[in-house]
Amino acid sequence: MSKNSNLDPYEELANAIVLQAVRDYREANKKLSRGRKNRDAQDTKDECLRFFRSKWFSLLTDLDPEFLIRRLDEEVTA
């Protein structure tokens, strides 16, 4: 049984998808913040941004994508 037994399996899957995108975005942002050009990290960040702003993202979660992106970007500058 999962930690969040009050969520149905589809909600758990949706949350896992969003959380993985957040982890991927954080990792790419961290690599890019080092000042070197990293094509793979930039591609990952761009892909995550497209996902966050997609209709699919809005079907998976009620999070405001622009708020989420701002918060993730603030982590790098903090």
PDB file of N, CA and C in Angstrom:
ATOM      1  N   MET A   1       0.839  -1.174   0.000  1.00  0.00           N
ATOM      2  CA  MET A   1       0.000   0.000   0.000  1.00  0.00           C
ATOM      3  C   MET A   1       0.886   1.240   0.000  1.00  0.00           C
ATOM      4  N   SER A   2       0.463   2.273  -0.655  1.00  0.00           N
ATOM      5  CA  SER A   2       1.272   3.485  -0.768  1.00  0.00           C
ATOM      6  C   SER A   2       1.160   4.337   0.487  1.00  0.00           C
ATOM      7  N   LYS A   3       2.051   5.332   0.572  1.00  0.00           N
ATOM      8  CA  LYS A   3       2.043   6.260   1.699  1.00  0.00           C
ATOM      9  C   LYS A   3       0.753   7.065   1.734  1.00  0.00           C
ATOM     10  N   ASN A   4       0.245   7.441   0.557  1.00  0.00           N
ATOM     11  CA  ASN A   4      -0.961   8.260   0.469  1.00  0.00           C
ATOM     12  C   ASN A   4      -2.146   7.390   0.076  1.00  0.00           C
ATOM     13  N   SER A   5      -2.579   6.539   0.966  1.00  0.00           N
ATOM     14  CA  SER A   5      -3.638   5.595   0.644  1.00  0.00           C
ATOM     15  C   SER A   5      -4.969   6.280   0.353  1.00  0.00           C
ATOM     16  N   ASN A   6      -5.084   7.581   0.690  1.00  0.00           N
ATOM     17  CA  ASN A   6      -6.333   8.281   0.407  1.00  0.00           C
ATOM     18  C   ASN A   6      -6.406   8.743  -1.058  1.00  0.00           C
ATOM     19  N   LEU A   7      -5.312   8.613  -1.816  1.00  0.00           N
ATOM     20  CA  LEU A   7      -5.306   8.960  -3.230  1.00  0.00           C
ATOM     21  C   LEU A   7      -5.564   7.706  -4.060  1.00  0.00           C
ATOM     22  N   ASP A   8      -6.295   7.883  -5.136  1.00  0.00           N
ATOM     23  CA  ASP A   8      -6.476   6.728  -6.001  1.00  0.00           C
ATOM     24  C   ASP A   8      -5.220   6.559  -6.857  1.00  0.00           C
ATOM     25  N   PRO A   9      -5.045   5.417  -7.454  1.00  0.00           N
ATOM     26  CA  PRO A   9      -3.819   5.144  -8.221  1.00  0.00           C
ATOM     27  C   PRO A   9      -3.564   6.148  -9.347  1.00  0.00           C
ATOM     28  N   TYR A  10      -4.605   6.659  -9.959  1.00  0.00           N
ATOM     29  CA  TYR A  10      -4.424   7.636 -11.026  1.00  0.00           C
ATOM     30  C   TYR A  10      -3.889   8.960 -10.490  1.00  0.00           C
ATOM     31  N   GLU A  11      -4.368   9.375  -9.319  1.00  0.00           N
ATOM     32  CA  GLU A  11      -3.843  10.588  -8.693  1.00  0.00           C
ATOM     33  C   GLU A  11      -2.380  10.403  -8.304  1.00  0.00           C
ATOM     34  N   GLU A  12      -2.061   9.225  -7.793  1.00  0.00           N
ATOM     35  CA  GLU A  12      -0.675   8.936  -7.433  1.00  0.00           C
ATOM     36  C   GLU A  12       0.224   8.972  -8.666  1.00  0.00           C
ATOM     37  N   LEU A  13      -0.237   8.415  -9.762  1.00  0.00           N
ATOM     38  CA  LEU A  13       0.530   8.441 -11.004  1.00  0.00           C
ATOM     39  C   LEU A  13       0.704   9.870 -11.504  1.00  0.00           C
ATOM     40  N   ALA A  14      -0.360  10.653 -11.481  1.00  0.00           N
ATOM     41  CA  ALA A  14      -0.283  12.051 -11.912  1.00  0.00           C
ATOM     42  C   ALA A  14       0.724  12.811 -11.058  1.00  0.00           C
ATOM     43  N   ASN A  15       0.673  12.623  -9.752  1.00  0.00           N
ATOM     44  CA  ASN A  15       1.619  13.291  -8.856  1.00  0.00           C
ATOM     45  C   ASN A  15       3.054  12.863  -9.146  1.00  0.00           C
ATOM     46  N   ALA A  16       3.256  11.581  -9.399  1.00  0.00           N
ATOM     47  CA  ALA A  16       4.600  11.071  -9.686  1.00  0.00           C
ATOM     48  C   ALA A  16       5.149  11.671 -10.982  1.00  0.00           C
ATOM     49  N   ILE A  17       4.316  11.836 -11.975  1.00  0.00           N
ATOM     50  CA  ILE A  17       4.745  12.430 -13.252  1.00  0.00           C
ATOM     51  C   ILE A  17       5.177  13.875 -13.029  1.00  0.00           C
ATOM     52  N   VAL A  18       4.366  14.638 -12.320  1.00  0.00           N
ATOM     53  CA  VAL A  18       4.683  16.043 -12.060  1.00  0.00           C
ATOM     54  C   VAL A  18       5.953  16.143 -11.214  1.00  0.00           C
ATOM     55  N   LEU A  19       6.073  15.336 -10.187  1.00  0.00           N
ATOM     56  CA  LEU A  19       7.255  15.380  -9.326  1.00  0.00           C
ATOM     57  C   LEU A  19       8.528  15.020 -10.090  1.00  0.00           C
ATOM     58  N   GLN A  20       8.453  14.081 -11.018  1.00  0.00           N
ATOM     59  CA  GLN A  20       9.626  13.737 -11.812  1.00  0.00           C
ATOM     60  C   GLN A  20      10.036  14.900 -12.700  1.00  0.00           C
ATOM     61  N   ALA A  21       9.069  15.586 -13.272  1.00  0.00           N
ATOM     62  CA  ALA A  21       9.382  16.761 -14.095  1.00  0.00           C
ATOM     63  C   ALA A  21      10.034  17.845 -13.239  1.00  0.00           C
ATOM     64  N   VAL A  22       9.558  18.033 -12.023  1.00  0.00           N
ATOM     65  CA  VAL A  22      10.155  19.011 -11.110  1.00  0.00           C
ATOM     66  C   VAL A  22      11.597  18.611 -10.796  1.00  0.00           C
ATOM     67  N   ARG A  23      11.841  17.353 -10.514  1.00  0.00           N
ATOM     68  CA  ARG A  23      13.210  16.887 -10.238  1.00  0.00           C
ATOM     69  C   ARG A  23      14.115  17.105 -11.451  1.00  0.00           C
ATOM     70  N   ASP A  24      13.611  16.779 -12.626  1.00  0.00           N
ATOM     71  CA  ASP A  24      14.387  16.962 -13.854  1.00  0.00           C
ATOM     72  C   ASP A  24      14.710  18.432 -14.081  1.00  0.00           C
ATOM     73  N   TYR A  25      13.733  19.303 -13.866  1.00  0.00           N
ATOM     74  CA  TYR A  25      13.926  20.745 -14.051  1.00  0.00           C
ATOM     75  C   TYR A  25      14.961  21.277 -13.063  1.00  0.00           C
ATOM     76  N   ARG A  26      14.850  20.856 -11.801  1.00  0.00           N
ATOM     77  CA  ARG A  26      15.808  21.293 -10.782  1.00  0.00           C
ATOM     78  C   ARG A  26      17.228  20.891 -11.161  1.00  0.00           C
ATOM     79  N   GLU A  27      17.394  19.649 -11.565  1.00  0.00           N
ATOM     80  CA  GLU A  27      18.716  19.142 -11.926  1.00  0.00           C
ATOM     81  C   GLU A  27      19.288  19.911 -13.121  1.00  0.00           C
ATOM     82  N   ALA A  28      18.463  20.141 -14.131  1.00  0.00           N
ATOM     83  CA  ALA A  28      18.913  20.884 -15.309  1.00  0.00           C
ATOM     84  C   ALA A  28      19.265  22.317 -14.921  1.00  0.00           C
ATOM     85  N   ASN A  29      18.444  22.948 -14.113  1.00  0.00           N
ATOM     86  CA  ASN A  29      18.705  24.318 -13.672  1.00  0.00           C
ATOM     87  C   ASN A  29      20.014  24.407 -12.903  1.00  0.00           C
ATOM     88  N   LYS A  30      20.267  23.428 -12.053  1.00  0.00           N
ATOM     89  CA  LYS A  30      21.492  23.411 -11.266  1.00  0.00           C
ATOM     90  C   LYS A  30      22.710  23.321 -12.197  1.00  0.00           C
ATOM     91  N   LYS A  31      22.637  22.446 -13.181  1.00  0.00           N
ATOM     92  CA  LYS A  31      23.746  22.307 -14.129  1.00  0.00           C
ATOM     93  C   LYS A  31      23.956  23.594 -14.920  1.00  0.00           C
ATOM     94  N   LEU A  32      22.879  24.229 -15.339  1.00  0.00           N
ATOM     95  CA  LEU A  32      22.988  25.452 -16.130  1.00  0.00           C
ATOM     96  C   LEU A  32      23.476  26.639 -15.297  1.00  0.00           C
ATOM     97  N   SER A  33      23.226  26.616 -14.008  1.00  0.00           N
ATOM     98  CA  SER A  33      23.633  27.722 -13.150  1.00  0.00           C
ATOM     99  C   SER A  33      25.140  27.767 -12.941  1.00  0.00           C
ATOM    100  N   ARG A  34      25.838  26.715 -13.306  1.00  0.00           N
ATOM    101  CA  ARG A  34      27.294  26.667 -13.141  1.00  0.00           C
ATOM    102  C   ARG A  34      28.020  27.515 -14.175  1.00  0.00           C
ATOM    103  N   GLY A  35      27.271  28.074 -15.120  1.00  0.00           N
ATOM    104  CA  GLY A  35      27.844  29.001 -16.070  1.00  0.00           C
ATOM    105  C   GLY A  35      28.374  28.390 -17.357  1.00  0.00           C
ATOM    106  N   ARG A  36      28.416  27.095 -17.418  1.00  0.00           N
ATOM    107  CA  ARG A  36      28.885  26.443 -18.646  1.00  0.00           C
ATOM    108  C   ARG A  36      27.707  26.077 -19.516  1.00  0.00           C
ATOM    109  N   LYS A  37      27.952  26.062 -20.806  1.00  0.00           N
ATOM    110  CA  LYS A  37      26.901  25.624 -21.728  1.00  0.00           C
ATOM    111  C   LYS A  37      26.773  24.111 -21.615  1.00  0.00           C
ATOM    112  N   ASN A  38      25.556  23.668 -21.429  1.00  0.00           N
ATOM    113  CA  ASN A  38      25.288  22.244 -21.316  1.00  0.00           C
ATOM    114  C   ASN A  38      24.037  21.977 -22.149  1.00  0.00           C
ATOM    115  N   ARG A  39      24.241  21.482 -23.343  1.00  0.00           N
ATOM    116  CA  ARG A  39      23.135  21.290 -24.286  1.00  0.00           C
ATOM    117  C   ARG A  39      22.085  20.325 -23.741  1.00  0.00           C
ATOM    118  N   ASP A  40      22.526  19.241 -23.122  1.00  0.00           N
ATOM    119  CA  ASP A  40      21.573  18.264 -22.582  1.00  0.00           C
ATOM    120  C   ASP A  40      20.716  18.887 -21.480  1.00  0.00           C
ATOM    121  N   ALA A  41      21.355  19.651 -20.606  1.00  0.00           N
ATOM    122  CA  ALA A  41      20.605  20.299 -19.521  1.00  0.00           C
ATOM    123  C   ALA A  41      19.628  21.324 -20.086  1.00  0.00           C
ATOM    124  N   GLN A  42      20.057  22.080 -21.096  1.00  0.00           N
ATOM    125  CA  GLN A  42      19.162  23.071 -21.701  1.00  0.00           C
ATOM    126  C   GLN A  42      17.986  22.385 -22.380  1.00  0.00           C
ATOM    127  N   ASP A  43      18.250  21.274 -23.065  1.00  0.00           N
ATOM    128  CA  ASP A  43      17.166  20.522 -23.706  1.00  0.00           C
ATOM    129  C   ASP A  43      16.172  19.998 -22.671  1.00  0.00           C
ATOM    130  N   THR A  44      16.688  19.487 -21.558  1.00  0.00           N
ATOM    131  CA  THR A  44      15.813  18.982 -20.492  1.00  0.00           C
ATOM    132  C   THR A  44      14.974  20.114 -19.908  1.00  0.00           C
ATOM    133  N   LYS A  45      15.606  21.249 -19.658  1.00  0.00           N
ATOM    134  CA  LYS A  45      14.868  22.392 -19.107  1.00  0.00           C
ATOM    135  C   LYS A  45      13.773  22.832 -20.075  1.00  0.00           C
ATOM    136  N   ASP A  46      14.106  22.937 -21.362  1.00  0.00           N
ATOM    137  CA  ASP A  46      13.116  23.344 -22.360  1.00  0.00           C
ATOM    138  C   ASP A  46      11.953  22.354 -22.432  1.00  0.00           C
ATOM    139  N   GLU A  47      12.284  21.068 -22.370  1.00  0.00           N
ATOM    140  CA  GLU A  47      11.240  20.039 -22.402  1.00  0.00           C
ATOM    141  C   GLU A  47      10.326  20.152 -21.181  1.00  0.00           C
ATOM    142  N   CYS A  48      10.906  20.383 -20.017  1.00  0.00           N
ATOM    143  CA  CYS A  48      10.111  20.543 -18.791  1.00  0.00           C
ATOM    144  C   CYS A  48       9.222  21.777 -18.881  1.00  0.00           C
ATOM    145  N   LEU A  49       9.761  22.874 -19.416  1.00  0.00           N
ATOM    146  CA  LEU A  49       8.956  24.091 -19.560  1.00  0.00           C
ATOM    147  C   LEU A  49       7.765  23.845 -20.479  1.00  0.00           C
ATOM    148  N   ARG A  50       7.996  23.126 -21.575  1.00  0.00           N
ATOM    149  CA  ARG A  50       6.868  22.795 -22.471  1.00  0.00           C
ATOM    150  C   ARG A  50       5.834  21.953 -21.731  1.00  0.00           C
ATOM    151  N   PHE A  51       6.304  20.997 -20.946  1.00  0.00           N
ATOM    152  CA  PHE A  51       5.389  20.152 -20.184  1.00  0.00           C
ATOM    153  C   PHE A  51       4.601  20.977 -19.172  1.00  0.00           C
ATOM    154  N   PHE A  52       5.299  21.824 -18.400  1.00  0.00           N
ATOM    155  CA  PHE A  52       4.620  22.621 -17.378  1.00  0.00           C
ATOM    156  C   PHE A  52       3.532  23.505 -17.979  1.00  0.00           C
ATOM    157  N   ARG A  53       3.743  23.948 -19.187  1.00  0.00           N
ATOM    158  CA  ARG A  53       2.783  24.856 -19.838  1.00  0.00           C
ATOM    159  C   ARG A  53       1.793  24.127 -20.740  1.00  0.00           C
ATOM    160  N   SER A  54       1.812  22.812 -20.700  1.00  0.00           N
ATOM    161  CA  SER A  54       0.964  22.023 -21.595  1.00  0.00           C
ATOM    162  C   SER A  54      -0.415  21.753 -20.998  1.00  0.00           C
ATOM    163  N   LYS A  55      -1.304  21.355 -21.876  1.00  0.00           N
ATOM    164  CA  LYS A  55      -2.641  20.956 -21.445  1.00  0.00           C
ATOM    165  C   LYS A  55      -2.562  19.703 -20.575  1.00  0.00           C
ATOM    166  N   TRP A  56      -1.638  18.816 -20.905  1.00  0.00           N
ATOM    167  CA  TRP A  56      -1.484  17.587 -20.126  1.00  0.00           C
ATOM    168  C   TRP A  56      -1.156  17.912 -18.672  1.00  0.00           C
ATOM    169  N   PHE A  57      -0.233  18.853 -18.450  1.00  0.00           N
ATOM    170  CA  PHE A  57       0.103  19.264 -17.087  1.00  0.00           C
ATOM    171  C   PHE A  57      -1.148  19.749 -16.362  1.00  0.00           C
ATOM    172  N   SER A  58      -1.952  20.554 -17.045  1.00  0.00           N
ATOM    173  CA  SER A  58      -3.160  21.096 -16.404  1.00  0.00           C
ATOM    174  C   SER A  58      -4.194  20.009 -16.120  1.00  0.00           C
ATOM    175  N   LEU A  59      -4.124  18.905 -16.835  1.00  0.00           N
ATOM    176  CA  LEU A  59      -5.011  17.778 -16.535  1.00  0.00           C
ATOM    177  C   LEU A  59      -4.515  16.973 -15.333  1.00  0.00           C
ATOM    178  N   LEU A  60      -3.196  16.996 -15.132  1.00  0.00           N
ATOM    179  CA  LEU A  60      -2.604  16.211 -14.046  1.00  0.00           C
ATOM    180  C   LEU A  60      -2.671  16.910 -12.693  1.00  0.00           C
ATOM    181  N   THR A  61      -2.664  18.253 -12.716  1.00  0.00           N
ATOM    182  CA  THR A  61      -2.581  18.996 -11.465  1.00  0.00           C
ATOM    183  C   THR A  61      -3.283  20.341 -11.589  1.00  0.00           C
ATOM    184  N   ASP A  62      -3.619  20.915 -10.439  1.00  0.00           N
ATOM    185  CA  ASP A  62      -4.211  22.246 -10.397  1.00  0.00           C
ATOM    186  C   ASP A  62      -3.159  23.334 -10.154  1.00  0.00           C
ATOM    187  N   LEU A  63      -1.890  22.931 -10.081  1.00  0.00           N
ATOM    188  CA  LEU A  63      -0.824  23.908  -9.858  1.00  0.00           C
ATOM    189  C   LEU A  63      -0.768  24.932 -10.980  1.00  0.00           C
ATOM    190  N   ASP A  64      -0.473  26.170 -10.621  1.00  0.00           N
ATOM    191  CA  ASP A  64      -0.249  27.226 -11.604  1.00  0.00           C
ATOM    192  C   ASP A  64       1.162  27.026 -12.160  1.00  0.00           C
ATOM    193  N   PRO A  65       1.305  26.718 -13.437  1.00  0.00           N
ATOM    194  CA  PRO A  65       2.627  26.400 -13.974  1.00  0.00           C
ATOM    195  C   PRO A  65       3.614  27.562 -13.874  1.00  0.00           C
ATOM    196  N   GLU A  66       3.164  28.790 -14.084  1.00  0.00           N
ATOM    197  CA  GLU A  66       4.078  29.931 -14.018  1.00  0.00           C
ATOM    198  C   GLU A  66       4.572  30.157 -12.592  1.00  0.00           C
ATOM    199  N   PHE A  67       3.709  29.929 -11.615  1.00  0.00           N
ATOM    200  CA  PHE A  67       4.116  30.030 -10.214  1.00  0.00           C
ATOM    201  C   PHE A  67       5.168  28.961  -9.908  1.00  0.00           C
ATOM    202  N   LEU A  68       4.917  27.745 -10.352  1.00  0.00           N
ATOM    203  CA  LEU A  68       5.852  26.645 -10.125  1.00  0.00           C
ATOM    204  C   LEU A  68       7.211  26.951 -10.751  1.00  0.00           C
ATOM    205  N   ILE A  69       7.211  27.429 -11.990  1.00  0.00           N
ATOM    206  CA  ILE A  69       8.461  27.747 -12.685  1.00  0.00           C
ATOM    207  C   ILE A  69       9.220  28.843 -11.938  1.00  0.00           C
ATOM    208  N   ARG A  70       8.508  29.895 -11.509  1.00  0.00           N
ATOM    209  CA  ARG A  70       9.161  30.974 -10.758  1.00  0.00           C
ATOM    210  C   ARG A  70       9.811  30.444  -9.482  1.00  0.00           C
ATOM    211  N   ARG A  71       9.085  29.618  -8.759  1.00  0.00           N
ATOM    212  CA  ARG A  71       9.615  29.063  -7.509  1.00  0.00           C
ATOM    213  C   ARG A  71      10.838  28.194  -7.759  1.00  0.00           C
ATOM    214  N   LEU A  72      10.789  27.373  -8.800  1.00  0.00           N
ATOM    215  CA  LEU A  72      11.941  26.522  -9.116  1.00  0.00           C
ATOM    216  C   LEU A  72      13.143  27.364  -9.534  1.00  0.00           C
ATOM    217  N   ASP A  73      12.898  28.416 -10.294  1.00  0.00           N
ATOM    218  CA  ASP A  73      13.989  29.293 -10.721  1.00  0.00           C
ATOM    219  C   ASP A  73      14.581  30.056  -9.528  1.00  0.00           C
ATOM    220  N   GLU A  74      13.729  30.415  -8.569  1.00  0.00           N
ATOM    221  CA  GLU A  74      14.221  31.106  -7.371  1.00  0.00           C
ATOM    222  C   GLU A  74      15.159  30.226  -6.557  1.00  0.00           C
ATOM    223  N   GLU A  75      14.980  28.937  -6.603  1.00  0.00           N
ATOM    224  CA  GLU A  75      15.866  28.022  -5.869  1.00  0.00           C
ATOM    225  C   GLU A  75      17.305  28.168  -6.331  1.00  0.00           C
ATOM    226  N   VAL A  76      17.510  28.437  -7.603  1.00  0.00           N
ATOM    227  CA  VAL A  76      18.854  28.543  -8.146  1.00  0.00           C
ATOM    228  C   VAL A  76      19.502  29.870  -7.743  1.00  0.00           C
ATOM    229  N   THR A  77      18.707  30.918  -7.668  1.00  0.00           N
ATOM    230  CA  THR A  77      19.250  32.236  -7.341  1.00  0.00           C
ATOM    231  C   THR A  77      19.379  32.469  -5.849  1.00  0.00           C
ATOM    232  N   ALA A  78      18.751  31.622  -5.065  1.00  0.00           N
ATOM    233  CA  ALA A  78      18.787  31.794  -3.593  1.00  0.00           C
ATOM    234  C   ALA A  78      20.091  31.353  -2.994  1.00  0.00           C
TER     235      ALA A  78
END
